[in-house]
Amino acid sequence: MNPKIPVIRVGDVLELKKPHPCGEKRFVCRRVGSDIRIICLGCGRDLTIPREKLEKSIKKIISASSSNGSEA
């Protein structure tokens, strides 16, 4: 039984379970690897978090390709 591993790409907006101290729950992904770099959409704070810890705190992933509009 493998738990589903979320696919996180650069540009994706991540909604986390707990809010940042500024009150915002949404972060944009800027770097992906064993550590993931995210930037708060509320205050602009830059955070680097280990992948395992971040995957546990993700509530929803809004992919960058769906927010860019329709591609024909």
PDB file of N, CA and C in Angstrom:
ATOM      1  N   MET A   1       0.830  -1.179   0.000  1.00  0.00           N
ATOM      2  CA  MET A   1       0.000   0.000   0.000  1.00  0.00           C
ATOM      3  C   MET A   1       0.880   1.249   0.000  1.00  0.00           C
ATOM      4  N   ASN A   2       1.003   1.859  -1.151  1.00  0.00           N
ATOM      5  CA  ASN A   2       1.786   3.084  -1.266  1.00  0.00           C
ATOM      6  C   ASN A   2       0.851   4.278  -1.156  1.00  0.00           C
ATOM      7  N   PRO A   3       1.154   5.204  -0.223  1.00  0.00           N
ATOM      8  CA  PRO A   3       0.350   6.423  -0.185  1.00  0.00           C
ATOM      9  C   PRO A   3       0.636   7.254  -1.427  1.00  0.00           C
ATOM     10  N   LYS A   4      -0.363   7.999  -1.887  1.00  0.00           N
ATOM     11  CA  LYS A   4      -0.186   8.799  -3.085  1.00  0.00           C
ATOM     12  C   LYS A   4       0.797   9.938  -2.814  1.00  0.00           C
ATOM     13  N   ILE A   5       1.823  10.020  -3.630  1.00  0.00           N
ATOM     14  CA  ILE A   5       2.827  11.069  -3.507  1.00  0.00           C
ATOM     15  C   ILE A   5       2.387  12.245  -4.365  1.00  0.00           C
ATOM     16  N   PRO A   6       2.238  13.430  -3.768  1.00  0.00           N
ATOM     17  CA  PRO A   6       1.806  14.580  -4.564  1.00  0.00           C
ATOM     18  C   PRO A   6       2.880  15.028  -5.546  1.00  0.00           C
ATOM     19  N   VAL A   7       2.455  15.396  -6.742  1.00  0.00           N
ATOM     20  CA  VAL A   7       3.377  15.914  -7.756  1.00  0.00           C
ATOM     21  C   VAL A   7       3.392  17.424  -7.627  1.00  0.00           C
ATOM     22  N   ILE A   8       4.544  17.958  -7.252  1.00  0.00           N
ATOM     23  CA  ILE A   8       4.698  19.394  -7.055  1.00  0.00           C
ATOM     24  C   ILE A   8       5.649  19.912  -8.123  1.00  0.00           C
ATOM     25  N   ARG A   9       5.215  20.953  -8.838  1.00  0.00           N
ATOM     26  CA  ARG A   9       6.036  21.546  -9.893  1.00  0.00           C
ATOM     27  C   ARG A   9       6.288  23.015  -9.576  1.00  0.00           C
ATOM     28  N   VAL A  10       7.332  23.564 -10.167  1.00  0.00           N
ATOM     29  CA  VAL A  10       7.632  24.984 -10.009  1.00  0.00           C
ATOM     30  C   VAL A  10       6.475  25.797 -10.584  1.00  0.00           C
ATOM     31  N   GLY A  11       6.005  26.766  -9.843  1.00  0.00           N
ATOM     32  CA  GLY A  11       4.893  27.610 -10.275  1.00  0.00           C
ATOM     33  C   GLY A  11       3.559  27.204  -9.680  1.00  0.00           C
ATOM     34  N   ASP A  12       3.468  25.997  -9.122  1.00  0.00           N
ATOM     35  CA  ASP A  12       2.221  25.552  -8.496  1.00  0.00           C
ATOM     36  C   ASP A  12       1.937  26.381  -7.248  1.00  0.00           C
ATOM     37  N   VAL A  13       0.661  26.611  -6.986  1.00  0.00           N
ATOM     38  CA  VAL A  13       0.247  27.274  -5.754  1.00  0.00           C
ATOM     39  C   VAL A  13      -0.196  26.179  -4.791  1.00  0.00           C
ATOM     40  N   LEU A  14       0.387  26.166  -3.602  1.00  0.00           N
ATOM     41  CA  LEU A  14       0.083  25.157  -2.593  1.00  0.00           C
ATOM     42  C   LEU A  14      -0.751  25.795  -1.497  1.00  0.00           C
ATOM     43  N   GLU A  15      -1.884  25.161  -1.175  1.00  0.00           N
ATOM     44  CA  GLU A  15      -2.673  25.603  -0.030  1.00  0.00           C
ATOM     45  C   GLU A  15      -2.358  24.656   1.113  1.00  0.00           C
ATOM     46  N   LEU A  16      -1.850  25.204   2.203  1.00  0.00           N
ATOM     47  CA  LEU A  16      -1.433  24.399   3.342  1.00  0.00           C
ATOM     48  C   LEU A  16      -2.541  24.319   4.387  1.00  0.00           C
ATOM     49  N   LYS A  17      -2.426  23.333   5.291  1.00  0.00           N
ATOM     50  CA  LYS A  17      -3.429  23.135   6.334  1.00  0.00           C
ATOM     51  C   LYS A  17      -3.417  24.261   7.360  1.00  0.00           C
ATOM     52  N   LYS A  18      -2.210  24.709   7.736  1.00  0.00           N
ATOM     53  CA  LYS A  18      -2.084  25.773   8.735  1.00  0.00           C
ATOM     54  C   LYS A  18      -1.639  27.061   8.054  1.00  0.00           C
ATOM     55  N   PRO A  19      -2.155  28.201   8.500  1.00  0.00           N
ATOM     56  CA  PRO A  19      -1.752  29.466   7.880  1.00  0.00           C
ATOM     57  C   PRO A  19      -0.372  29.922   8.346  1.00  0.00           C
ATOM     58  N   HIS A  20       0.266  30.726   7.516  1.00  0.00           N
ATOM     59  CA  HIS A  20       1.515  31.414   7.845  1.00  0.00           C
ATOM     60  C   HIS A  20       1.170  32.456   8.924  1.00  0.00           C
ATOM     61  N   PRO A  21       2.115  32.908   9.732  1.00  0.00           N
ATOM     62  CA  PRO A  21       1.809  33.933  10.748  1.00  0.00           C
ATOM     63  C   PRO A  21       1.137  35.193  10.191  1.00  0.00           C
ATOM     64  N   CYS A  22       1.332  35.501   8.913  1.00  0.00           N
ATOM     65  CA  CYS A  22       0.664  36.671   8.319  1.00  0.00           C
ATOM     66  C   CYS A  22      -0.808  36.399   8.036  1.00  0.00           C
ATOM     67  N   GLY A  23      -1.246  35.133   8.123  1.00  0.00           N
ATOM     68  CA  GLY A  23      -2.654  34.779   7.914  1.00  0.00           C
ATOM     69  C   GLY A  23      -2.938  34.085   6.596  1.00  0.00           C
ATOM     70  N   GLU A  24      -1.999  34.067   5.670  1.00  0.00           N
ATOM     71  CA  GLU A  24      -2.191  33.462   4.341  1.00  0.00           C
ATOM     72  C   GLU A  24      -1.902  31.969   4.387  1.00  0.00           C
ATOM     73  N   LYS A  25      -2.707  31.177   3.660  1.00  0.00           N
ATOM     74  CA  LYS A  25      -2.502  29.728   3.579  1.00  0.00           C
ATOM     75  C   LYS A  25      -1.920  29.295   2.239  1.00  0.00           C
ATOM     76  N   ARG A  26      -1.813  30.229   1.267  1.00  0.00           N
ATOM     77  CA  ARG A  26      -1.353  29.868  -0.069  1.00  0.00           C
ATOM     78  C   ARG A  26       0.100  30.297  -0.283  1.00  0.00           C
ATOM     79  N   PHE A  27       0.861  29.399  -0.901  1.00  0.00           N
ATOM     80  CA  PHE A  27       2.273  29.622  -1.182  1.00  0.00           C
ATOM     81  C   PHE A  27       2.549  29.206  -2.616  1.00  0.00           C
ATOM     82  N   VAL A  28       3.479  29.877  -3.274  1.00  0.00           N
ATOM     83  CA  VAL A  28       3.870  29.509  -4.631  1.00  0.00           C
ATOM     84  C   VAL A  28       5.202  28.771  -4.548  1.00  0.00           C
ATOM     85  N   CYS A  29       5.326  27.683  -5.312  1.00  0.00           N
ATOM     86  CA  CYS A  29       6.530  26.854  -5.312  1.00  0.00           C
ATOM     87  C   CYS A  29       7.554  27.453  -6.269  1.00  0.00           C
ATOM     88  N   ARG A  30       8.800  27.639  -5.796  1.00  0.00           N
ATOM     89  CA  ARG A  30       9.856  28.225  -6.608  1.00  0.00           C
ATOM     90  C   ARG A  30      11.001  27.263  -6.898  1.00  0.00           C
ATOM     91  N   ARG A  31      11.172  26.209  -6.091  1.00  0.00           N
ATOM     92  CA  ARG A  31      12.237  25.243  -6.329  1.00  0.00           C
ATOM     93  C   ARG A  31      11.775  23.904  -5.803  1.00  0.00           C
ATOM     94  N   VAL A  32      12.071  22.839  -6.567  1.00  0.00           N
ATOM     95  CA  VAL A  32      11.661  21.485  -6.195  1.00  0.00           C
ATOM     96  C   VAL A  32      12.890  20.595  -6.136  1.00  0.00           C
ATOM     97  N   GLY A  33      12.965  19.775  -5.131  1.00  0.00           N
ATOM     98  CA  GLY A  33      14.071  18.838  -4.938  1.00  0.00           C
ATOM     99  C   GLY A  33      13.818  18.107  -3.632  1.00  0.00           C
ATOM    100  N   SER A  34      14.885  17.713  -2.927  1.00  0.00           N
ATOM    101  CA  SER A  34      14.681  17.089  -1.621  1.00  0.00           C
ATOM    102  C   SER A  34      14.154  18.128  -0.636  1.00  0.00           C
ATOM    103  N   ASP A  35      14.513  19.399  -0.855  1.00  0.00           N
ATOM    104  CA  ASP A  35      13.916  20.527  -0.147  1.00  0.00           C
ATOM    105  C   ASP A  35      13.099  21.311  -1.160  1.00  0.00           C
ATOM    106  N   ILE A  36      11.999  21.885  -0.707  1.00  0.00           N
ATOM    107  CA  ILE A  36      11.129  22.658  -1.600  1.00  0.00           C
ATOM    108  C   ILE A  36      11.104  24.096  -1.112  1.00  0.00           C
ATOM    109  N   ARG A  37      11.334  25.024  -2.043  1.00  0.00           N
ATOM    110  CA  ARG A  37      11.328  26.445  -1.717  1.00  0.00           C
ATOM    111  C   ARG A  37       9.976  27.018  -2.082  1.00  0.00           C
ATOM    112  N   ILE A  38       9.303  27.630  -1.104  1.00  0.00           N
ATOM    113  CA  ILE A  38       7.996  28.236  -1.331  1.00  0.00           C
ATOM    114  C   ILE A  38       8.035  29.690  -0.882  1.00  0.00           C
ATOM    115  N   ILE A  39       7.160  30.493  -1.479  1.00  0.00           N
ATOM    116  CA  ILE A  39       7.052  31.906  -1.130  1.00  0.00           C
ATOM    117  C   ILE A  39       5.604  32.193  -0.744  1.00  0.00           C
ATOM    118  N   CYS A  40       5.419  32.826   0.409  1.00  0.00           N
ATOM    119  CA  CYS A  40       4.082  33.168   0.902  1.00  0.00           C
ATOM    120  C   CYS A  40       3.458  34.206  -0.029  1.00  0.00           C
ATOM    121  N   LEU A  41       2.202  33.977  -0.407  1.00  0.00           N
ATOM    122  CA  LEU A  41       1.512  34.923  -1.281  1.00  0.00           C
ATOM    123  C   LEU A  41       0.976  36.134  -0.519  1.00  0.00           C
ATOM    124  N   GLY A  42       0.998  36.064   0.817  1.00  0.00           N
ATOM    125  CA  GLY A  42       0.528  37.188   1.626  1.00  0.00           C
ATOM    126  C   GLY A  42       1.618  38.219   1.879  1.00  0.00           C
ATOM    127  N   CYS A  43       2.752  37.758   2.419  1.00  0.00           N
ATOM    128  CA  CYS A  43       3.806  38.697   2.830  1.00  0.00           C
ATOM    129  C   CYS A  43       5.087  38.569   2.015  1.00  0.00           C
ATOM    130  N   GLY A  44       5.212  37.522   1.186  1.00  0.00           N
ATOM    131  CA  GLY A  44       6.393  37.372   0.351  1.00  0.00           C
ATOM    132  C   GLY A  44       7.561  36.669   1.024  1.00  0.00           C
ATOM    133  N   ARG A  45       7.351  36.117   2.211  1.00  0.00           N
ATOM    134  CA  ARG A  45       8.425  35.426   2.935  1.00  0.00           C
ATOM    135  C   ARG A  45       8.855  34.193   2.161  1.00  0.00           C
ATOM    136  N   ASP A  46      10.160  33.982   2.078  1.00  0.00           N
ATOM    137  CA  ASP A  46      10.761  32.868   1.348  1.00  0.00           C
ATOM    138  C   ASP A  46      11.090  31.757   2.345  1.00  0.00           C
ATOM    139  N   LEU A  47      10.568  30.548   2.122  1.00  0.00           N
ATOM    140  CA  LEU A  47      10.787  29.419   3.026  1.00  0.00           C
ATOM    141  C   LEU A  47      11.355  28.238   2.257  1.00  0.00           C
ATOM    142  N   THR A  48      12.305  27.529   2.859  1.00  0.00           N
ATOM    143  CA  THR A  48      12.800  26.276   2.313  1.00  0.00           C
ATOM    144  C   THR A  48      12.459  25.187   3.321  1.00  0.00           C
ATOM    145  N   ILE A  49      11.658  24.205   2.876  1.00  0.00           N
ATOM    146  CA  ILE A  49      11.133  23.173   3.770  1.00  0.00           C
ATOM    147  C   ILE A  49      11.475  21.801   3.202  1.00  0.00           C
ATOM    148  N   PRO A  50      11.871  20.840   4.060  1.00  0.00           N
ATOM    149  CA  PRO A  50      12.095  19.476   3.575  1.00  0.00           C
ATOM    150  C   PRO A  50      10.825  18.914   2.929  1.00  0.00           C
ATOM    151  N   ARG A  51      10.994  18.187   1.833  1.00  0.00           N
ATOM    152  CA  ARG A  51       9.867  17.662   1.058  1.00  0.00           C
ATOM    153  C   ARG A  51       8.893  16.862   1.928  1.00  0.00           C
ATOM    154  N   GLU A  52       9.410  15.969   2.763  1.00  0.00           N
ATOM    155  CA  GLU A  52       8.538  15.117   3.587  1.00  0.00           C
ATOM    156  C   GLU A  52       7.630  15.950   4.480  1.00  0.00           C
ATOM    157  N   LYS A  53       8.184  16.968   5.116  1.00  0.00           N
ATOM    158  CA  LYS A  53       7.402  17.815   6.014  1.00  0.00           C
ATOM    159  C   LYS A  53       6.344  18.603   5.241  1.00  0.00           C
ATOM    160  N   LEU A  54       6.721  19.134   4.081  1.00  0.00           N
ATOM    161  CA  LEU A  54       5.781  19.918   3.278  1.00  0.00           C
ATOM    162  C   LEU A  54       4.642  19.054   2.740  1.00  0.00           C
ATOM    163  N   GLU A  55       4.962  17.836   2.274  1.00  0.00           N
ATOM    164  CA  GLU A  55       3.929  16.952   1.729  1.00  0.00           C
ATOM    165  C   GLU A  55       2.850  16.644   2.760  1.00  0.00           C
ATOM    166  N   LYS A  56       3.223  16.557   4.032  1.00  0.00           N
ATOM    167  CA  LYS A  56       2.252  16.277   5.088  1.00  0.00           C
ATOM    168  C   LYS A  56       1.345  17.470   5.365  1.00  0.00           C
ATOM    169  N   SER A  57       1.827  18.674   5.075  1.00  0.00           N
ATOM    170  CA  SER A  57       1.055  19.868   5.412  1.00  0.00           C
ATOM    171  C   SER A  57       0.256  20.441   4.236  1.00  0.00           C
ATOM    172  N   ILE A  58       0.303  19.794   3.068  1.00  0.00           N
ATOM    173  CA  ILE A  58      -0.432  20.292   1.896  1.00  0.00           C
ATOM    174  C   ILE A  58      -1.897  19.889   1.978  1.00  0.00           C
ATOM    175  N   LYS A  59      -2.781  20.872   1.799  1.00  0.00           N
ATOM    176  CA  LYS A  59      -4.218  20.612   1.747  1.00  0.00           C
ATOM    177  C   LYS A  59      -4.680  20.467   0.297  1.00  0.00           C
ATOM    178  N   LYS A  60      -4.164  21.353  -0.584  1.00  0.00           N
ATOM    179  CA  LYS A  60      -4.579  21.347  -1.984  1.00  0.00           C
ATOM    180  C   LYS A  60      -3.464  21.917  -2.847  1.00  0.00           C
ATOM    181  N   ILE A  61      -3.313  21.372  -4.075  1.00  0.00           N
ATOM    182  CA  ILE A  61      -2.336  21.885  -5.038  1.00  0.00           C
ATOM    183  C   ILE A  61      -3.107  22.480  -6.208  1.00  0.00           C
ATOM    184  N   ILE A  62      -2.856  23.753  -6.484  1.00  0.00           N
ATOM    185  CA  ILE A  62      -3.454  24.418  -7.640  1.00  0.00           C
ATOM    186  C   ILE A  62      -2.347  24.501  -8.675  1.00  0.00           C
ATOM    187  N   SER A  63      -2.461  23.679  -9.727  1.00  0.00           N
ATOM    188  CA  SER A  63      -1.344  23.577 -10.669  1.00  0.00           C
ATOM    189  C   SER A  63      -1.206  24.846 -11.497  1.00  0.00           C
ATOM    190  N   ALA A  64       0.041  25.161 -11.836  1.00  0.00           N
ATOM    191  CA  ALA A  64       0.348  26.372 -12.599  1.00  0.00           C
ATOM    192  C   ALA A  64      -0.244  26.295 -13.996  1.00  0.00           C
ATOM    193  N   SER A  65      -0.313  25.106 -14.593  1.00  0.00           N
ATOM    194  CA  SER A  65      -0.835  24.979 -15.955  1.00  0.00           C
ATOM    195  C   SER A  65      -2.323  25.269 -16.020  1.00  0.00           C
ATOM    196  N   SER A  66      -3.073  24.973 -14.957  1.00  0.00           N
ATOM    197  CA  SER A  66      -4.514  25.243 -14.981  1.00  0.00           C
ATOM    198  C   SER A  66      -4.820  26.717 -14.748  1.00  0.00           C
ATOM    199  N   SER A  67      -3.915  27.443 -14.078  1.00  0.00           N
ATOM    200  CA  SER A  67      -4.172  28.867 -13.813  1.00  0.00           C
ATOM    201  C   SER A  67      -3.692  29.761 -14.947  1.00  0.00           C
ATOM    202  N   ASN A  68      -2.987  29.216 -15.948  1.00  0.00           N
ATOM    203  CA  ASN A  68      -2.484  30.026 -17.067  1.00  0.00           C
ATOM    204  C   ASN A  68      -3.516  30.225 -18.169  1.00  0.00           C
ATOM    205  N   GLY A  69      -4.687  29.656 -18.011  1.00  0.00           N
ATOM    206  CA  GLY A  69      -5.694  29.792 -19.058  1.00  0.00           C
ATOM    207  C   GLY A  69      -5.737  28.534 -19.909  1.00  0.00           C
ATOM    208  N   SER A  70      -6.560  28.567 -20.939  1.00  0.00           N
ATOM    209  CA  SER A  70      -6.691  27.374 -21.790  1.00  0.00           C
ATOM    210  C   SER A  70      -5.643  27.371 -22.886  1.00  0.00           C
ATOM    211  N   GLU A  71      -5.152  26.192 -23.162  1.00  0.00           N
ATOM    212  CA  GLU A  71      -4.187  26.035 -24.254  1.00  0.00           C
ATOM    213  C   GLU A  71      -4.875  25.313 -25.398  1.00  0.00           C
ATOM    214  N   ALA A  72      -4.819  25.880 -26.577  1.00  0.00           N
ATOM    215  CA  ALA A  72      -5.516  25.278 -27.713  1.00  0.00           C
ATOM    216  C   ALA A  72      -4.609  24.437 -28.559  1.00  0.00           C
TER     217      ALA A  72
END
